[in-house]
Amino acid sequence: MASRMDSGLCLLLLLVVLCKCVEATEHLKYKNPSQPITARVEDLLRRMTLEEKIGQMAQIERTLATPDVMKNYYIGSVLSGGGSVPEPKASPATWMNMVNEIQKGAMSTRLQIPMIYGIDAVHGHNNVYGATIFPHNVGLGATRDPDLARRIGAATALEVRATGIPYTFAPCVAVCRDPRWGRCYESYSEDPQIVKAMTEIIVGLQGQPPANSIKGMPFLAGQSNVAACAKHFVGDGGTTNGIDENNTVSSFKRLVNTHMTPYFDAIEKGVSTIMISYSSWNGVKMHTNRFLISHVLKKQLGFKIGKLLTE
């Protein structure tokens, strides 16, 4: 009799534990893909400490992204700096293994928030040995062929995903107004309308957003695509004397009509991220320009949900 009672008590305790586990899982809304995105985000933010929020806003170079660093500092994003590779002539498998190991560190944290890895695949997957290399933007702009840009974007996305990377810091939609600027080759044209047309590369990288998509809503079609980044907001190609990271002096109207025009289409196409420029507008550093970032970019242009990052 006592044995049966003990067995019954153990079974009851097991059921209680299982119910508690199910209840706990159900309460983790941020892990439940059937929940609305807003509900998942609100649930996750509510659970995060200040340290975790700071870590998620950080993006570090891959050489620093050890498992301990990812775990202890809650790092949200990792990148390959210029020419930073896991080893000389690294194969796609080597790249993928590296990304996976960094991801394991991110997933060992309390909330198990995956990190996002980004790379400058700006004219093909140009950091990777054996990848297909395409002309720089200045050459593509000379073709006046937006559909070519779209197809190049799609080809680049496939090769980037083959290395386990879901995010590229491209395209550069600067409007270069002075050929003395050292990064003028990253600009499709001095004509904002040509640059605007060539934002079609975003569709190649990310995929075609559905007809009923919401303006400003980031879009990624699937596993053959990567998140894109329109850069550098705004006026990077209009600095005085073409000096890099310098000051663009202009009226607001001229800034909009010349340098902001490509961003209209980039946002319409569902670009996932926008990189803020390292330059200044009329003496004010873009990173501190609340008017252009919060009022113009987020409110007027409707880029409220995508990610903003610094150069």
C-alpha atoms as a PDB file:
ATOM      1  CA  MET A   1       0.000   0.000   0.000  1.00  0.00           C
ATOM      2  CA  ALA A   2       2.783   2.385   0.949  1.00  0.00           C
ATOM      3  CA  SER A   3       4.600   1.494  -2.264  1.00  0.00           C
ATOM      4  CA  ARG A   4       1.540   2.363  -4.359  1.00  0.00           C
ATOM      5  CA  MET A   5       1.167   5.648  -2.484  1.00  0.00           C
ATOM      6  CA  ASP A   6       4.819   6.499  -3.077  1.00  0.00           C
ATOM      7  CA  SER A   7       4.445   5.689  -6.778  1.00  0.00           C
ATOM      8  CA  GLY A   8       1.323   7.809  -7.005  1.00  0.00           C
ATOM      9  CA  LEU A   9       3.061  10.700  -5.251  1.00  0.00           C
ATOM     10  CA  CYS A  10       6.034  10.480  -7.617  1.00  0.00           C
ATOM     11  CA  LEU A  11       3.701  10.465 -10.623  1.00  0.00           C
ATOM     12  CA  LEU A  12       1.859  13.490  -9.271  1.00  0.00           C
ATOM     13  CA  LEU A  13       5.113  15.344  -8.723  1.00  0.00           C
ATOM     14  CA  LEU A  14       6.240  14.449 -12.259  1.00  0.00           C
ATOM     15  CA  LEU A  15       2.994  15.805 -13.703  1.00  0.00           C
ATOM     16  CA  VAL A  16       3.418  19.033 -11.743  1.00  0.00           C
ATOM     17  CA  VAL A  17       6.963  19.454 -13.031  1.00  0.00           C
ATOM     18  CA  LEU A  18       5.881  18.770 -16.611  1.00  0.00           C
ATOM     19  CA  CYS A  19       3.019  21.246 -16.331  1.00  0.00           C
ATOM     20  CA  LYS A  20       5.396  23.872 -14.971  1.00  0.00           C
ATOM     21  CA  CYS A  21       7.796  23.244 -17.875  1.00  0.00           C
ATOM     22  CA  VAL A  22       4.984  23.593 -20.422  1.00  0.00           C
ATOM     23  CA  GLU A  23       3.764  26.741 -18.671  1.00  0.00           C
ATOM     24  CA  ALA A  24       7.272  28.221 -18.694  1.00  0.00           C
ATOM     25  CA  THR A  25       7.689  27.474 -22.381  1.00  0.00           C
ATOM     26  CA  GLU A  26       4.324  29.027 -23.199  1.00  0.00           C
ATOM     27  CA  HIS A  27       5.295  32.179 -21.313  1.00  0.00           C
ATOM     28  CA  LEU A  28       8.422  32.633 -23.455  1.00  0.00           C
ATOM     29  CA  LYS A  29       6.537  34.548 -26.114  1.00  0.00           C
ATOM     30  CA  TYR A  30       9.711  35.788 -27.766  1.00  0.00           C
ATOM     31  CA  LYS A  31      10.604  32.199 -28.690  1.00  0.00           C
ATOM     32  CA  ASN A  32       7.166  31.397 -30.071  1.00  0.00           C
ATOM     33  CA  PRO A  33       7.017  31.968 -33.869  1.00  0.00           C
ATOM     34  CA  SER A  34       3.230  31.833 -33.804  1.00  0.00           C
ATOM     35  CA  GLN A  35       3.085  35.007 -31.716  1.00  0.00           C
ATOM     36  CA  PRO A  36       2.930  38.469 -33.377  1.00  0.00           C
ATOM     37  CA  ILE A  37       6.344  40.069 -33.844  1.00  0.00           C
ATOM     38  CA  THR A  38       5.463  43.040 -31.646  1.00  0.00           C
ATOM     39  CA  ALA A  39       4.391  40.742 -28.814  1.00  0.00           C
ATOM     40  CA  ARG A  40       7.614  38.728 -29.096  1.00  0.00           C
ATOM     41  CA  VAL A  41       9.767  41.862 -29.083  1.00  0.00           C
ATOM     42  CA  GLU A  42       7.957  43.363 -26.095  1.00  0.00           C
ATOM     43  CA  ASP A  43       8.259  40.099 -24.188  1.00  0.00           C
ATOM     44  CA  LEU A  44      11.992  39.844 -24.898  1.00  0.00           C
ATOM     45  CA  LEU A  45      12.718  43.469 -23.980  1.00  0.00           C
ATOM     46  CA  ARG A  46      10.826  43.043 -20.714  1.00  0.00           C
ATOM     47  CA  ARG A  47      13.105  40.153 -19.768  1.00  0.00           C
ATOM     48  CA  MET A  48      16.404  41.823 -20.706  1.00  0.00           C
ATOM     49  CA  THR A  49      18.758  43.469 -18.235  1.00  0.00           C
ATOM     50  CA  LEU A  50      20.502  46.752 -19.041  1.00  0.00           C
ATOM     51  CA  GLU A  51      23.744  44.845 -19.651  1.00  0.00           C
ATOM     52  CA  GLU A  52      22.009  42.524 -22.122  1.00  0.00           C
ATOM     53  CA  LYS A  53      20.491  45.459 -24.000  1.00  0.00           C
ATOM     54  CA  ILE A  54      23.870  47.159 -24.271  1.00  0.00           C
ATOM     55  CA  GLY A  55      25.464  43.947 -25.509  1.00  0.00           C
ATOM     56  CA  GLN A  56      22.788  43.438 -28.134  1.00  0.00           C
ATOM     57  CA  MET A  57      23.492  46.918 -29.515  1.00  0.00           C
ATOM     58  CA  ALA A  58      27.198  46.148 -29.920  1.00  0.00           C
ATOM     59  CA  GLN A  59      28.836  44.825 -33.079  1.00  0.00           C
ATOM     60  CA  ILE A  60      32.386  43.525 -32.707  1.00  0.00           C
ATOM     61  CA  GLU A  61      35.085  42.305 -35.084  1.00  0.00           C
ATOM     62  CA  ARG A  62      35.184  38.549 -35.547  1.00  0.00           C
ATOM     63  CA  THR A  63      38.719  38.236 -34.111  1.00  0.00           C
ATOM     64  CA  LEU A  64      37.331  39.384 -30.749  1.00  0.00           C
ATOM     65  CA  ALA A  65      34.247  37.158 -30.828  1.00  0.00           C
ATOM     66  CA  THR A  66      35.407  34.294 -28.623  1.00  0.00           C
ATOM     67  CA  PRO A  67      32.734  32.070 -27.021  1.00  0.00           C
ATOM     68  CA  ASP A  68      33.435  33.676 -23.637  1.00  0.00           C
ATOM     69  CA  VAL A  69      33.109  37.220 -25.006  1.00  0.00           C
ATOM     70  CA  MET A  70      29.842  36.362 -26.770  1.00  0.00           C
ATOM     71  CA  LYS A  71      28.451  34.775 -23.603  1.00  0.00           C
ATOM     72  CA  ASN A  72      29.705  37.209 -20.980  1.00  0.00           C
ATOM     73  CA  TYR A  73      28.941  40.429 -22.853  1.00  0.00           C
ATOM     74  CA  TYR A  74      25.728  39.329 -24.633  1.00  0.00           C
ATOM     75  CA  ILE A  75      27.072  40.486 -28.023  1.00  0.00           C
ATOM     76  CA  GLY A  76      24.340  40.961 -30.616  1.00  0.00           C
ATOM     77  CA  SER A  77      26.341  41.231 -33.832  1.00  0.00           C
ATOM     78  CA  VAL A  78      29.731  40.337 -35.314  1.00  0.00           C
ATOM     79  CA  LEU A  79      31.404  41.496 -38.517  1.00  0.00           C
ATOM     80  CA  SER A  80      34.393  40.872 -40.707  1.00  0.00           C
ATOM     81  CA  GLY A  81      36.364  44.085 -40.968  1.00  0.00           C
ATOM     82  CA  GLY A  82      38.111  44.899 -44.239  1.00  0.00           C
ATOM     83  CA  GLY A  83      40.056  41.814 -45.303  1.00  0.00           C
ATOM     84  CA  SER A  84      39.366  39.961 -42.047  1.00  0.00           C
ATOM     85  CA  VAL A  85      39.188  36.238 -42.835  1.00  0.00           C
ATOM     86  CA  PRO A  86      39.296  33.054 -40.715  1.00  0.00           C
ATOM     87  CA  GLU A  87      42.397  31.888 -42.580  1.00  0.00           C
ATOM     88  CA  PRO A  88      44.132  32.569 -45.928  1.00  0.00           C
ATOM     89  CA  LYS A  89      42.155  31.149 -48.857  1.00  0.00           C
ATOM     90  CA  ALA A  90      39.472  29.964 -46.449  1.00  0.00           C
ATOM     91  CA  SER A  91      36.848  27.673 -47.975  1.00  0.00           C
ATOM     92  CA  PRO A  92      33.090  28.320 -47.618  1.00  0.00           C
ATOM     93  CA  ALA A  93      33.005  25.461 -45.090  1.00  0.00           C
ATOM     94  CA  THR A  94      35.690  27.184 -42.995  1.00  0.00           C
ATOM     95  CA  TRP A  95      33.687  30.408 -43.001  1.00  0.00           C
ATOM     96  CA  MET A  96      30.517  28.571 -42.036  1.00  0.00           C
ATOM     97  CA  ASN A  97      32.223  26.700 -39.200  1.00  0.00           C
ATOM     98  CA  MET A  98      33.584  29.979 -37.852  1.00  0.00           C
ATOM     99  CA  VAL A  99      30.147  31.627 -37.912  1.00  0.00           C
ATOM    100  CA  ASN A 100      28.577  28.568 -36.267  1.00  0.00           C
ATOM    101  CA  GLU A 101      31.118  28.584 -33.438  1.00  0.00           C
ATOM    102  CA  ILE A 102      30.453  32.264 -32.758  1.00  0.00           C
ATOM    103  CA  GLN A 103      26.731  31.530 -32.830  1.00  0.00           C
ATOM    104  CA  LYS A 104      27.164  28.791 -30.208  1.00  0.00           C
ATOM    105  CA  GLY A 105      28.630  31.398 -27.877  1.00  0.00           C
ATOM    106  CA  ALA A 106      25.643  33.704 -28.448  1.00  0.00           C
ATOM    107  CA  MET A 107      23.182  30.861 -27.858  1.00  0.00           C
ATOM    108  CA  SER A 108      24.828  29.945 -24.552  1.00  0.00           C
ATOM    109  CA  THR A 109      23.522  33.148 -22.954  1.00  0.00           C
ATOM    110  CA  ARG A 110      20.569  33.261 -20.579  1.00  0.00           C
ATOM    111  CA  LEU A 111      18.050  34.423 -23.186  1.00  0.00           C
ATOM    112  CA  GLN A 112      19.642  32.572 -26.131  1.00  0.00           C
ATOM    113  CA  ILE A 113      19.405  35.496 -28.539  1.00  0.00           C
ATOM    114  CA  PRO A 114      21.111  34.609 -31.849  1.00  0.00           C
ATOM    115  CA  MET A 115      23.795  36.984 -33.093  1.00  0.00           C
ATOM    116  CA  ILE A 116      23.766  38.352 -36.635  1.00  0.00           C
ATOM    117  CA  TYR A 117      26.977  38.227 -38.688  1.00  0.00           C
ATOM    118  CA  GLY A 118      27.620  40.926 -41.290  1.00  0.00           C
ATOM    119  CA  ILE A 119      30.215  41.370 -44.013  1.00  0.00           C
ATOM    120  CA  ASP A 120      31.124  43.863 -46.753  1.00  0.00           C
ATOM    121  CA  ALA A 121      29.976  41.912 -49.797  1.00  0.00           C
ATOM    122  CA  VAL A 122      29.954  45.110 -51.841  1.00  0.00           C
ATOM    123  CA  HIS A 123      30.905  43.838 -55.314  1.00  0.00           C
ATOM    124  CA  GLY A 124      30.318  40.154 -54.920  1.00  0.00           C
ATOM    125  CA  HIS A 125      31.411  38.240 -51.830  1.00  0.00           C
ATOM    126  CA  ASN A 126      34.740  40.030 -52.153  1.00  0.00           C
ATOM    127  CA  ASN A 127      36.331  38.908 -48.865  1.00  0.00           C
ATOM    128  CA  VAL A 128      36.049  35.223 -49.756  1.00  0.00           C
ATOM    129  CA  TYR A 129      38.642  33.347 -51.782  1.00  0.00           C
ATOM    130  CA  GLY A 130      37.188  32.018 -55.031  1.00  0.00           C
ATOM    131  CA  ALA A 131      33.994  34.084 -54.888  1.00  0.00           C
ATOM    132  CA  THR A 132      32.551  35.746 -57.974  1.00  0.00           C
ATOM    133  CA  ILE A 133      33.761  39.347 -58.170  1.00  0.00           C
ATOM    134  CA  PHE A 134      31.604  41.942 -59.916  1.00  0.00           C
ATOM    135  CA  PRO A 135      32.454  45.521 -60.976  1.00  0.00           C
ATOM    136  CA  HIS A 136      32.352  48.240 -58.360  1.00  0.00           C
ATOM    137  CA  ASN A 137      29.275  50.451 -58.238  1.00  0.00           C
ATOM    138  CA  VAL A 138      30.768  53.150 -60.458  1.00  0.00           C
ATOM    139  CA  GLY A 139      31.049  50.562 -63.237  1.00  0.00           C
ATOM    140  CA  LEU A 140      27.557  49.184 -62.686  1.00  0.00           C
ATOM    141  CA  GLY A 141      26.091  52.672 -62.719  1.00  0.00           C
ATOM    142  CA  ALA A 142      27.655  53.233 -66.133  1.00  0.00           C
ATOM    143  CA  THR A 143      25.544  50.376 -67.514  1.00  0.00           C
ATOM    144  CA  ARG A 144      22.289  52.175 -66.579  1.00  0.00           C
ATOM    145  CA  ASP A 145      20.865  48.658 -66.105  1.00  0.00           C
ATOM    146  CA  PRO A 146      18.906  48.181 -62.844  1.00  0.00           C
ATOM    147  CA  ASP A 147      17.970  44.604 -63.757  1.00  0.00           C
ATOM    148  CA  LEU A 148      21.666  43.722 -64.044  1.00  0.00           C
ATOM    149  CA  ALA A 149      22.142  45.118 -60.546  1.00  0.00           C
ATOM    150  CA  ARG A 150      19.247  42.963 -59.318  1.00  0.00           C
ATOM    151  CA  ARG A 151      20.764  39.805 -60.822  1.00  0.00           C
ATOM    152  CA  ILE A 152      24.176  40.617 -59.339  1.00  0.00           C
ATOM    153  CA  GLY A 153      22.514  41.087 -55.967  1.00  0.00           C
ATOM    154  CA  ALA A 154      20.845  37.676 -56.221  1.00  0.00           C
ATOM    155  CA  ALA A 155      24.112  35.967 -57.200  1.00  0.00           C
ATOM    156  CA  THR A 156      25.970  37.681 -54.373  1.00  0.00           C
ATOM    157  CA  ALA A 157      23.303  36.667 -51.856  1.00  0.00           C
ATOM    158  CA  LEU A 158      23.694  32.996 -52.775  1.00  0.00           C
ATOM    159  CA  GLU A 159      27.443  33.077 -52.247  1.00  0.00           C
ATOM    160  CA  VAL A 160      27.172  34.983 -48.973  1.00  0.00           C
ATOM    161  CA  ARG A 161      24.637  32.504 -47.589  1.00  0.00           C
ATOM    162  CA  ALA A 162      26.891  29.636 -48.685  1.00  0.00           C
ATOM    163  CA  THR A 163      29.396  30.839 -46.075  1.00  0.00           C
ATOM    164  CA  GLY A 164      26.791  30.945 -43.301  1.00  0.00           C
ATOM    165  CA  ILE A 165      26.432  34.737 -43.336  1.00  0.00           C
ATOM    166  CA  PRO A 166      22.931  36.327 -43.507  1.00  0.00           C
ATOM    167  CA  TYR A 167      23.817  40.022 -43.798  1.00  0.00           C
ATOM    168  CA  THR A 168      25.831  42.303 -46.091  1.00  0.00           C
ATOM    169  CA  PHE A 169      26.755  45.963 -45.675  1.00  0.00           C
ATOM    170  CA  ALA A 170      25.564  46.813 -49.181  1.00  0.00           C
ATOM    171  CA  PRO A 171      24.586  48.655 -51.276  1.00  0.00           C
ATOM    172  CA  CYS A 172      26.338  51.995 -50.975  1.00  0.00           C
ATOM    173  CA  VAL A 173      23.846  54.537 -52.344  1.00  0.00           C
ATOM    174  CA  ALA A 174      26.078  57.586 -52.022  1.00  0.00           C
ATOM    175  CA  VAL A 175      25.778  60.235 -54.712  1.00  0.00           C
ATOM    176  CA  CYS A 176      29.379  61.234 -55.410  1.00  0.00           C
ATOM    177  CA  ARG A 177      29.540  64.926 -56.351  1.00  0.00           C
ATOM    178  CA  ASP A 178      33.321  65.314 -56.264  1.00  0.00           C
ATOM    179  CA  PRO A 179      35.627  62.716 -57.872  1.00  0.00           C
ATOM    180  CA  ARG A 180      38.339  63.644 -55.384  1.00  0.00           C
ATOM    181  CA  TRP A 181      36.426  61.652 -52.778  1.00  0.00           C
ATOM    182  CA  GLY A 182      38.436  58.477 -52.252  1.00  0.00           C
ATOM    183  CA  ARG A 183      35.306  56.325 -52.136  1.00  0.00           C
ATOM    184  CA  CYS A 184      33.750  57.695 -55.294  1.00  0.00           C
ATOM    185  CA  TYR A 185      34.055  54.263 -56.925  1.00  0.00           C
ATOM    186  CA  GLU A 186      31.417  53.046 -54.428  1.00  0.00           C
ATOM    187  CA  SER A 187      28.877  55.455 -55.919  1.00  0.00           C
ATOM    188  CA  TYR A 188      26.734  54.428 -58.885  1.00  0.00           C
ATOM    189  CA  SER A 189      26.681  57.963 -60.247  1.00  0.00           C
ATOM    190  CA  GLU A 190      26.750  61.687 -59.551  1.00  0.00           C
ATOM    191  CA  ASP A 191      23.133  61.662 -60.780  1.00  0.00           C
ATOM    192  CA  PRO A 192      20.734  60.815 -57.919  1.00  0.00           C
ATOM    193  CA  GLN A 193      18.185  59.365 -60.337  1.00  0.00           C
ATOM    194  CA  ILE A 194      20.672  56.784 -61.582  1.00  0.00           C
ATOM    195  CA  VAL A 195      21.635  55.869 -58.023  1.00  0.00           C
ATOM    196  CA  LYS A 196      17.947  55.614 -57.164  1.00  0.00           C
ATOM    197  CA  ALA A 197      17.338  53.232 -60.091  1.00  0.00           C
ATOM    198  CA  MET A 198      20.266  51.023 -59.115  1.00  0.00           C
ATOM    199  CA  THR A 199      18.786  50.366 -55.670  1.00  0.00           C
ATOM    200  CA  GLU A 200      17.157  47.460 -57.523  1.00  0.00           C
ATOM    201  CA  ILE A 201      20.147  45.474 -56.239  1.00  0.00           C
ATOM    202  CA  ILE A 202      18.316  45.381 -52.884  1.00  0.00           C
ATOM    203  CA  VAL A 203      15.608  43.237 -54.467  1.00  0.00           C
ATOM    204  CA  GLY A 204      18.297  40.849 -55.672  1.00  0.00           C
ATOM    205  CA  LEU A 205      19.911  40.633 -52.253  1.00  0.00           C
ATOM    206  CA  GLN A 206      16.743  40.375 -50.148  1.00  0.00           C
ATOM    207  CA  GLY A 207      14.130  39.119 -52.599  1.00  0.00           C
ATOM    208  CA  GLN A 208      10.999  40.750 -53.958  1.00  0.00           C
ATOM    209  CA  PRO A 209       8.696  42.036 -51.200  1.00  0.00           C
ATOM    210  CA  PRO A 210       5.002  41.142 -51.588  1.00  0.00           C
ATOM    211  CA  ALA A 211       2.650  43.678 -53.140  1.00  0.00           C
ATOM    212  CA  ASN A 212       0.835  44.225 -49.837  1.00  0.00           C
ATOM    213  CA  SER A 213       3.997  44.820 -47.801  1.00  0.00           C
ATOM    214  CA  ILE A 214       4.052  47.784 -45.449  1.00  0.00           C
ATOM    215  CA  LYS A 215       6.320  50.675 -46.384  1.00  0.00           C
ATOM    216  CA  GLY A 216       9.439  50.672 -44.244  1.00  0.00           C
ATOM    217  CA  MET A 217       8.963  47.032 -43.192  1.00  0.00           C
ATOM    218  CA  PRO A 218      12.247  45.088 -43.509  1.00  0.00           C
ATOM    219  CA  PHE A 219      11.917  42.102 -45.820  1.00  0.00           C
ATOM    220  CA  LEU A 220      13.882  38.908 -46.383  1.00  0.00           C
ATOM    221  CA  ALA A 221      12.484  36.345 -48.798  1.00  0.00           C
ATOM    222  CA  GLY A 222      14.248  33.194 -47.619  1.00  0.00           C
ATOM    223  CA  GLN A 223      17.419  31.198 -47.137  1.00  0.00           C
ATOM    224  CA  SER A 224      18.810  32.198 -50.532  1.00  0.00           C
ATOM    225  CA  ASN A 225      18.743  35.867 -49.571  1.00  0.00           C
ATOM    226  CA  VAL A 226      20.587  38.193 -47.211  1.00  0.00           C
ATOM    227  CA  ALA A 227      19.659  41.326 -45.306  1.00  0.00           C
ATOM    228  CA  ALA A 228      20.881  44.440 -47.149  1.00  0.00           C
ATOM    229  CA  CYS A 229      22.159  47.769 -45.844  1.00  0.00           C
ATOM    230  CA  ALA A 230      21.701  51.125 -47.600  1.00  0.00           C
ATOM    231  CA  LYS A 231      24.597  53.409 -46.709  1.00  0.00           C
ATOM    232  CA  HIS A 232      25.700  55.996 -45.634  1.00  0.00           C
ATOM    233  CA  PHE A 233      22.804  58.191 -44.518  1.00  0.00           C
ATOM    234  CA  VAL A 234      23.182  60.917 -45.617  1.00  0.00           C
ATOM    235  CA  GLY A 235      25.384  63.233 -47.706  1.00  0.00           C
ATOM    236  CA  ASP A 236      28.553  61.127 -47.610  1.00  0.00           C
ATOM    237  CA  GLY A 237      29.216  61.815 -51.285  1.00  0.00           C
ATOM    238  CA  GLY A 238      28.838  65.589 -51.028  1.00  0.00           C
ATOM    239  CA  THR A 239      31.561  66.621 -48.617  1.00  0.00           C
ATOM    240  CA  THR A 240      33.581  69.791 -49.189  1.00  0.00           C
ATOM    241  CA  ASN A 241      36.449  69.159 -51.638  1.00  0.00           C
ATOM    242  CA  GLY A 242      35.602  65.451 -51.547  1.00  0.00           C
ATOM    243  CA  ILE A 243      37.373  64.978 -48.212  1.00  0.00           C
ATOM    244  CA  ASP A 244      36.389  61.657 -46.653  1.00  0.00           C
ATOM    245  CA  GLU A 245      34.363  61.798 -43.425  1.00  0.00           C
ATOM    246  CA  ASN A 246      34.104  65.560 -43.804  1.00  0.00           C
ATOM    247  CA  ASN A 247      31.302  68.130 -43.933  1.00  0.00           C
ATOM    248  CA  THR A 248      28.522  68.394 -46.510  1.00  0.00           C
ATOM    249  CA  VAL A 249      27.391  72.009 -46.757  1.00  0.00           C
ATOM    250  CA  SER A 250      23.961  72.418 -48.346  1.00  0.00           C
ATOM    251  CA  SER A 251      20.387  73.472 -47.802  1.00  0.00           C
ATOM    252  CA  PHE A 252      17.921  70.853 -46.600  1.00  0.00           C
ATOM    253  CA  LYS A 253      16.198  70.933 -49.992  1.00  0.00           C
ATOM    254  CA  ARG A 254      19.435  70.196 -51.821  1.00  0.00           C
ATOM    255  CA  LEU A 255      20.318  67.451 -49.352  1.00  0.00           C
ATOM    256  CA  VAL A 256      16.962  65.774 -49.986  1.00  0.00           C
ATOM    257  CA  ASN A 257      16.942  66.174 -53.761  1.00  0.00           C
ATOM    258  CA  THR A 258      20.540  65.074 -54.262  1.00  0.00           C
ATOM    259  CA  HIS A 259      21.647  62.743 -51.480  1.00  0.00           C
ATOM    260  CA  MET A 260      18.453  61.443 -49.882  1.00  0.00           C
ATOM    261  CA  THR A 261      16.644  60.458 -53.086  1.00  0.00           C
ATOM    262  CA  PRO A 262      18.030  56.861 -53.254  1.00  0.00           C
ATOM    263  CA  TYR A 263      16.785  56.157 -49.741  1.00  0.00           C
ATOM    264  CA  PHE A 264      13.185  56.713 -50.822  1.00  0.00           C
ATOM    265  CA  ASP A 265      13.357  53.663 -53.082  1.00  0.00           C
ATOM    266  CA  ALA A 266      15.566  51.641 -50.733  1.00  0.00           C
ATOM    267  CA  ILE A 267      12.929  51.913 -48.008  1.00  0.00           C
ATOM    268  CA  GLU A 268      10.123  51.151 -50.472  1.00  0.00           C
ATOM    269  CA  LYS A 269      11.987  47.963 -51.404  1.00  0.00           C
ATOM    270  CA  GLY A 270      12.083  46.877 -47.758  1.00  0.00           C
ATOM    271  CA  VAL A 271      15.782  47.379 -47.051  1.00  0.00           C
ATOM    272  CA  SER A 272      16.503  45.762 -43.681  1.00  0.00           C
ATOM    273  CA  THR A 273      19.126  48.157 -42.342  1.00  0.00           C
ATOM    274  CA  ILE A 274      20.512  51.632 -42.946  1.00  0.00           C
ATOM    275  CA  MET A 275      23.998  52.724 -41.956  1.00  0.00           C
ATOM    276  CA  ILE A 276      24.399  56.259 -40.614  1.00  0.00           C
ATOM    277  CA  SER A 277      27.188  58.252 -42.234  1.00  0.00           C
ATOM    278  CA  TYR A 278      30.501  59.122 -40.609  1.00  0.00           C
ATOM    279  CA  SER A 279      30.269  62.581 -42.211  1.00  0.00           C
ATOM    280  CA  SER A 280      28.573  65.808 -41.104  1.00  0.00           C
ATOM    281  CA  TRP A 281      25.837  68.019 -42.513  1.00  0.00           C
ATOM    282  CA  ASN A 282      26.413  71.742 -42.031  1.00  0.00           C
ATOM    283  CA  GLY A 283      28.819  71.031 -39.197  1.00  0.00           C
ATOM    284  CA  VAL A 284      26.638  68.561 -37.289  1.00  0.00           C
ATOM    285  CA  LYS A 285      27.840  64.954 -37.108  1.00  0.00           C
ATOM    286  CA  MET A 286      25.270  62.642 -38.647  1.00  0.00           C
ATOM    287  CA  HIS A 287      25.396  60.283 -35.663  1.00  0.00           C
ATOM    288  CA  THR A 288      24.129  63.091 -33.448  1.00  0.00           C
ATOM    289  CA  ASN A 289      21.626  64.566 -35.913  1.00  0.00           C
ATOM    290  CA  ARG A 290      18.298  63.851 -34.238  1.00  0.00           C
ATOM    291  CA  PHE A 291      16.395  65.840 -36.872  1.00  0.00           C
ATOM    292  CA  LEU A 292      17.628  63.802 -39.846  1.00  0.00           C
ATOM    293  CA  ILE A 293      17.597  60.413 -38.115  1.00  0.00           C
ATOM    294  CA  SER A 294      14.539  60.522 -35.863  1.00  0.00           C
ATOM    295  CA  HIS A 295      12.305  63.036 -37.631  1.00  0.00           C
ATOM    296  CA  VAL A 296      13.189  62.610 -41.314  1.00  0.00           C
ATOM    297  CA  LEU A 297      14.386  59.000 -41.656  1.00  0.00           C
ATOM    298  CA  LYS A 298      12.111  57.347 -39.128  1.00  0.00           C
ATOM    299  CA  LYS A 299       8.991  59.508 -39.217  1.00  0.00           C
ATOM    300  CA  GLN A 300       8.848  61.093 -42.672  1.00  0.00           C
ATOM    301  CA  LEU A 301      10.458  58.287 -44.678  1.00  0.00           C
ATOM    302  CA  GLY A 302       8.844  55.591 -42.543  1.00  0.00           C
ATOM    303  CA  PHE A 303      11.947  53.598 -41.573  1.00  0.00           C
ATOM    304  CA  LYS A 304      10.692  52.743 -38.100  1.00  0.00           C
ATOM    305  CA  ILE A 305      11.272  49.016 -37.781  1.00  0.00           C
ATOM    306  CA  GLY A 306      14.557  48.292 -39.563  1.00  0.00           C
ATOM    307  CA  LYS A 307      17.921  48.437 -37.855  1.00  0.00           C
ATOM    308  CA  LEU A 308      20.119  51.523 -37.829  1.00  0.00           C
ATOM    309  CA  LEU A 309      23.855  51.096 -37.378  1.00  0.00           C
ATOM    310  CA  THR A 310      26.846  53.348 -37.181  1.00  0.00           C
ATOM    311  CA  GLU A 311      29.693  53.427 -39.661  1.00  0.00           C
END
